[in-house]
Each structure stands twice: as structure tokens, then as C-alpha cells.
Amino acid sequence: AANVAFHSLRPGVKNSEVTEKIQEVARLYNVNPIEGVQSHQMKKFVLDGPKAIASKIVPERRTEEVTFEENEVYAIDVVMSTGDGRPKETEVRTTVFKRIVDQNY
């Protein structure tokens, strides 16, 4: 699915088209993309840029439709599950942190 997404990133293509291709590959392998996982445009010092690609279409979490342009950079994140594709809360805390660009530490 990541390979299909990577090869789909071309100027003029919409992010919804890439989402559909990721879901198509997931169906072929009988797995489900995890809800809430998005691939983001990257800029200098910004990992989660303004444009995003959803891995799964979820009505409650609409991703704004955008068109890819030349010279844009994206981090492709694809996470699949043999379950229903919904993350489950556990007692273990997440320890992934993100820097806020506008704040001095």
C-alpha cells in the first residue's frame, strides 16, 4: 500500500485518489487501514504540513481534499490491521512527542 501511495504522488492527483488506492490494496490483502493514520506534507521543521492523505475514509474524520503540486514532500504512513482497523486504548501511555515550531524550549 505504501508503494502504491508513493507511486501515486504526482502533480495534479488528488489526495482522495491516493486514499482509494490504499484501501483497494488493503482489500486485496484482506486487511484494514487503521483509522486516523494520515500521511502529511512536510516542510522545513514541520513534519505535519497543511496537506494530508488519509489511509482510510472515515465520515467523522474528513480530510480536506487537496491536489498535489510539483516539488512537494510527503511522509507516507501506512498502518494496517487484520482487525476492524480501529485503535484500542490501553493502560500503556504513548511516548511520542512533537516539537512546536513557534515555541522556544
Protein backbone atom coordinates (compact mmCIF):
# COMPACT_ATOMS: atom_id res chain seq x y z
CA ALA A 1 0.00 0.00 0.00
CA ALA A 2 2.87 2.38 0.80
CA ASN A 3 4.44 1.61 -2.58
CA VAL A 4 1.15 2.29 -4.37
CA ALA A 5 0.74 5.58 -2.46
CA PHE A 6 4.33 6.57 -3.26
CA HIS A 7 3.88 5.96 -6.99
CA SER A 8 0.53 7.80 -6.98
CA LEU A 9 2.02 11.08 -5.74
CA ARG A 10 2.11 13.05 -8.96
CA PRO A 11 1.24 16.68 -9.70
CA GLY A 12 -2.47 17.01 -10.42
CA VAL A 13 -3.54 13.92 -8.44
CA LYS A 14 -5.96 14.43 -5.52
CA ASN A 15 -5.34 13.01 -2.04
CA SER A 16 -8.71 11.21 -2.15
CA GLU A 17 -7.47 9.19 -5.14
CA VAL A 18 -4.47 8.01 -3.13
CA THR A 19 -6.74 7.09 -0.19
CA GLU A 20 -8.89 4.98 -2.52
CA LYS A 21 -5.80 3.16 -3.82
CA ILE A 22 -4.58 2.42 -0.27
CA GLN A 23 -7.99 0.97 0.59
CA GLU A 24 -8.01 -1.08 -2.62
CA VAL A 25 -4.67 -2.69 -1.73
CA ALA A 26 -5.94 -3.36 1.81
CA ARG A 27 -8.97 -5.20 0.38
CA LEU A 28 -6.71 -7.33 -1.83
CA TYR A 29 -4.74 -8.47 1.24
CA ASN A 30 -7.84 -8.80 3.44
CA VAL A 31 -6.63 -6.19 5.98
CA ASN A 32 -7.94 -2.80 7.12
CA PRO A 33 -6.13 0.55 7.24
CA ILE A 34 -6.06 1.96 10.79
CA GLU A 35 -8.44 4.89 11.32
CA GLY A 36 -6.79 8.23 11.98
CA VAL A 37 -3.45 7.42 10.35
CA GLN A 38 -2.55 10.13 7.87
CA SER A 39 0.39 10.85 5.60
CA HIS A 40 1.41 14.51 5.74
CA GLN A 41 3.14 17.05 3.58
CA MET A 42 6.47 18.02 5.08
CA LYS A 43 8.17 21.40 5.12
CA LYS A 44 11.33 22.65 6.78
CA PHE A 45 10.99 21.98 10.54
CA VAL A 46 7.33 20.93 10.05
CA LEU A 47 6.51 17.21 9.99
CA ASP A 48 2.72 17.57 9.77
CA GLY A 49 2.23 20.09 6.98
CA PRO A 50 -1.06 21.54 5.77
CA LYS A 51 -1.85 18.81 3.21
CA ALA A 52 -2.72 15.28 4.34
CA ILE A 53 -3.65 11.90 2.88
CA ALA A 54 -6.00 9.71 4.91
CA SER A 55 -5.32 5.97 4.89
CA LYS A 56 -9.00 5.21 5.37
CA ILE A 57 -12.17 7.12 4.56
CA VAL A 58 -13.97 7.81 7.84
CA PRO A 59 -17.01 10.16 7.69
CA GLU A 60 -16.31 11.60 11.17
CA ARG A 61 -12.71 12.48 10.22
CA ARG A 62 -12.92 14.25 6.90
CA THR A 63 -9.60 15.14 5.31
CA GLU A 64 -9.72 18.27 3.18
CA GLU A 65 -9.37 17.35 -0.49
CA VAL A 66 -6.20 18.79 -1.99
CA THR A 67 -4.30 18.43 -5.25
CA PHE A 68 -0.61 17.58 -5.23
CA GLU A 69 1.79 20.05 -6.77
CA GLU A 70 5.31 19.78 -8.09
CA ASN A 71 8.21 19.83 -5.56
CA GLU A 72 6.09 18.86 -2.54
CA VAL A 73 7.46 16.37 0.01
CA TYR A 74 5.31 13.83 1.87
CA ALA A 75 5.88 11.33 4.68
CA ILE A 76 3.91 8.21 3.76
CA ASP A 77 2.49 6.45 6.84
CA VAL A 78 0.53 3.27 6.20
CA VAL A 79 -0.57 1.07 9.10
CA MET A 80 -2.79 -1.99 8.56
CA SER A 81 -4.64 -4.39 10.83
CA THR A 82 -6.27 -7.78 10.44
CA GLY A 83 -8.91 -6.49 12.87
CA ASP A 84 -11.53 -3.80 12.27
CA GLY A 85 -8.95 -1.02 11.81
CA ARG A 86 -9.85 0.92 14.94
CA PRO A 87 -7.18 1.73 17.52
CA LYS A 88 -7.86 0.48 21.05
CA GLU A 89 -6.98 2.35 24.22
CA THR A 90 -4.77 0.53 26.71
CA GLU A 91 -3.16 1.34 30.03
CA VAL A 92 0.21 1.91 28.33
CA ARG A 93 0.88 5.59 27.60
CA THR A 94 2.21 6.78 24.26
CA THR A 95 5.62 8.42 24.42
CA VAL A 96 5.87 10.07 21.03
CA PHE A 97 6.29 13.83 21.21
CA LYS A 98 6.33 16.52 18.54
CA ARG A 99 8.16 19.83 18.61
CA ILE A 100 6.09 23.01 18.29
CA VAL A 101 7.95 25.19 15.75
CA ASP A 102 6.77 28.55 17.15
CA GLN A 103 7.87 27.77 20.71
CA ASN A 104 11.37 28.15 22.15
CA TYR A 105 12.49 25.43 24.53
